[in-house]
């Protein structure tokens, strides 16, 4: 099982997302729009983080592989109210 880490630096105007492998080597990056959880019941934040995450996985050449995979386990940890997120994703190949 491969483990990936997705870091999200979110803010009121945009978010930056970086995908790393289990050795913390950067594999891909993405960007999204506002990720402030206070806006519109957090819907824009969800969409922005999802879009940026897709970009990061696509940049790493992994999005097509993961898009149809039911065996994805994800654990999320929000470290700061200022919107620093870390997501650990395990994929069974």
Protein backbone atom coordinates (compact mmCIF):
# COMPACT_ATOMS: atom_id res chain seq x y z
CA UNK A 1 0.00 0.00 0.00
CA UNK A 2 1.35 3.39 -1.02
CA UNK A 3 0.88 6.34 1.33
CA UNK A 4 0.60 9.93 0.12
CA UNK A 5 0.40 13.18 2.07
CA UNK A 6 -1.62 16.11 0.86
CA UNK A 7 -0.87 19.46 2.48
CA UNK A 8 -3.31 22.34 2.06
CA UNK A 9 -2.36 25.93 2.80
CA UNK A 10 -5.75 27.56 2.72
CA UNK A 11 -6.85 31.14 2.95
CA UNK A 12 -9.65 33.55 2.23
CA UNK A 13 -8.67 34.18 -1.39
CA UNK A 14 -6.91 30.99 -2.51
CA UNK A 15 -5.32 27.74 -1.40
CA UNK A 16 -2.15 25.93 -2.35
CA UNK A 17 -1.96 22.16 -2.26
CA UNK A 18 1.11 19.92 -2.33
CA UNK A 19 1.15 16.14 -2.70
CA UNK A 20 4.11 14.24 -1.26
CA UNK A 21 5.11 10.60 -1.02
CA UNK A 22 5.83 8.79 2.23
CA UNK A 23 9.39 10.19 2.15
CA UNK A 24 7.88 13.71 1.91
CA UNK A 25 9.20 14.18 -1.64
CA UNK A 26 6.94 16.56 -3.56
CA UNK A 27 5.07 14.76 -6.34
CA UNK A 28 2.64 17.44 -7.50
CA UNK A 29 1.10 20.78 -6.67
CA UNK A 30 -2.25 22.43 -7.26
CA UNK A 31 -4.15 25.62 -6.54
CA UNK A 32 -7.72 26.37 -5.65
CA UNK A 33 -9.91 29.30 -4.80
CA UNK A 34 -10.99 30.49 -1.36
CA UNK A 35 -10.84 27.88 1.40
CA UNK A 36 -12.24 29.86 4.30
CA UNK A 37 -14.55 27.53 6.23
CA UNK A 38 -16.63 30.51 7.37
CA UNK A 39 -17.92 31.24 3.84
CA UNK A 40 -21.25 29.81 2.67
CA UNK A 41 -21.29 26.79 5.00
CA UNK A 42 -17.77 25.82 3.84
CA UNK A 43 -18.98 24.82 0.34
CA UNK A 44 -16.45 27.04 -1.49
CA UNK A 45 -13.66 25.67 0.72
CA UNK A 46 -14.62 22.09 -0.11
CA UNK A 47 -14.74 22.79 -3.84
CA UNK A 48 -11.46 24.73 -3.83
CA UNK A 49 -9.59 22.05 -1.91
CA UNK A 50 -11.05 19.29 -4.07
CA UNK A 51 -10.08 21.07 -7.31
CA UNK A 52 -6.55 21.83 -6.09
CA UNK A 53 -6.17 18.25 -4.87
CA UNK A 54 -7.19 16.90 -8.28
CA UNK A 55 -4.55 19.17 -9.85
CA UNK A 56 -1.87 17.93 -7.45
CA UNK A 57 -2.69 14.25 -8.09
CA UNK A 58 -2.88 14.91 -11.86
CA UNK A 59 0.51 16.69 -11.80
CA UNK A 60 1.94 13.58 -10.12
CA UNK A 61 0.34 11.37 -12.79
CA UNK A 62 -1.92 9.74 -10.20
CA UNK A 63 -5.40 11.22 -10.69
CA UNK A 64 -6.53 8.81 -13.41
CA UNK A 65 -5.30 5.91 -11.31
CA UNK A 66 -7.14 7.09 -8.18
CA UNK A 67 -10.35 8.41 -9.71
CA UNK A 68 -11.95 4.99 -10.11
CA UNK A 69 -10.28 3.28 -7.18
CA UNK A 70 -12.59 2.17 -4.38
CA UNK A 71 -9.65 1.14 -2.16
CA UNK A 72 -8.66 4.61 -0.99
CA UNK A 73 -8.39 5.25 2.73
CA UNK A 74 -8.00 8.86 3.84
CA UNK A 75 -7.25 10.36 7.23
CA UNK A 76 -7.49 14.11 7.66
CA UNK A 77 -6.08 16.33 10.37
CA UNK A 78 -6.70 20.06 10.59
CA UNK A 79 -3.75 21.57 12.44
CA UNK A 80 -4.79 25.19 12.52
CA UNK A 81 -7.90 27.32 12.34
CA UNK A 82 -5.95 29.40 9.81
CA UNK A 83 -6.49 26.46 7.44
CA UNK A 84 -3.37 24.35 7.35
CA UNK A 85 -4.61 20.84 6.58
CA UNK A 86 -2.75 17.55 6.25
CA UNK A 87 -4.41 14.60 4.56
CA UNK A 88 -2.88 11.15 4.55
CA UNK A 89 -4.11 8.96 1.70
CA UNK A 90 -3.31 5.26 1.40
CA UNK A 91 -3.86 3.49 -1.89
CA UNK A 92 -3.93 -0.25 -2.39
CA UNK A 93 -2.47 -1.04 -5.81
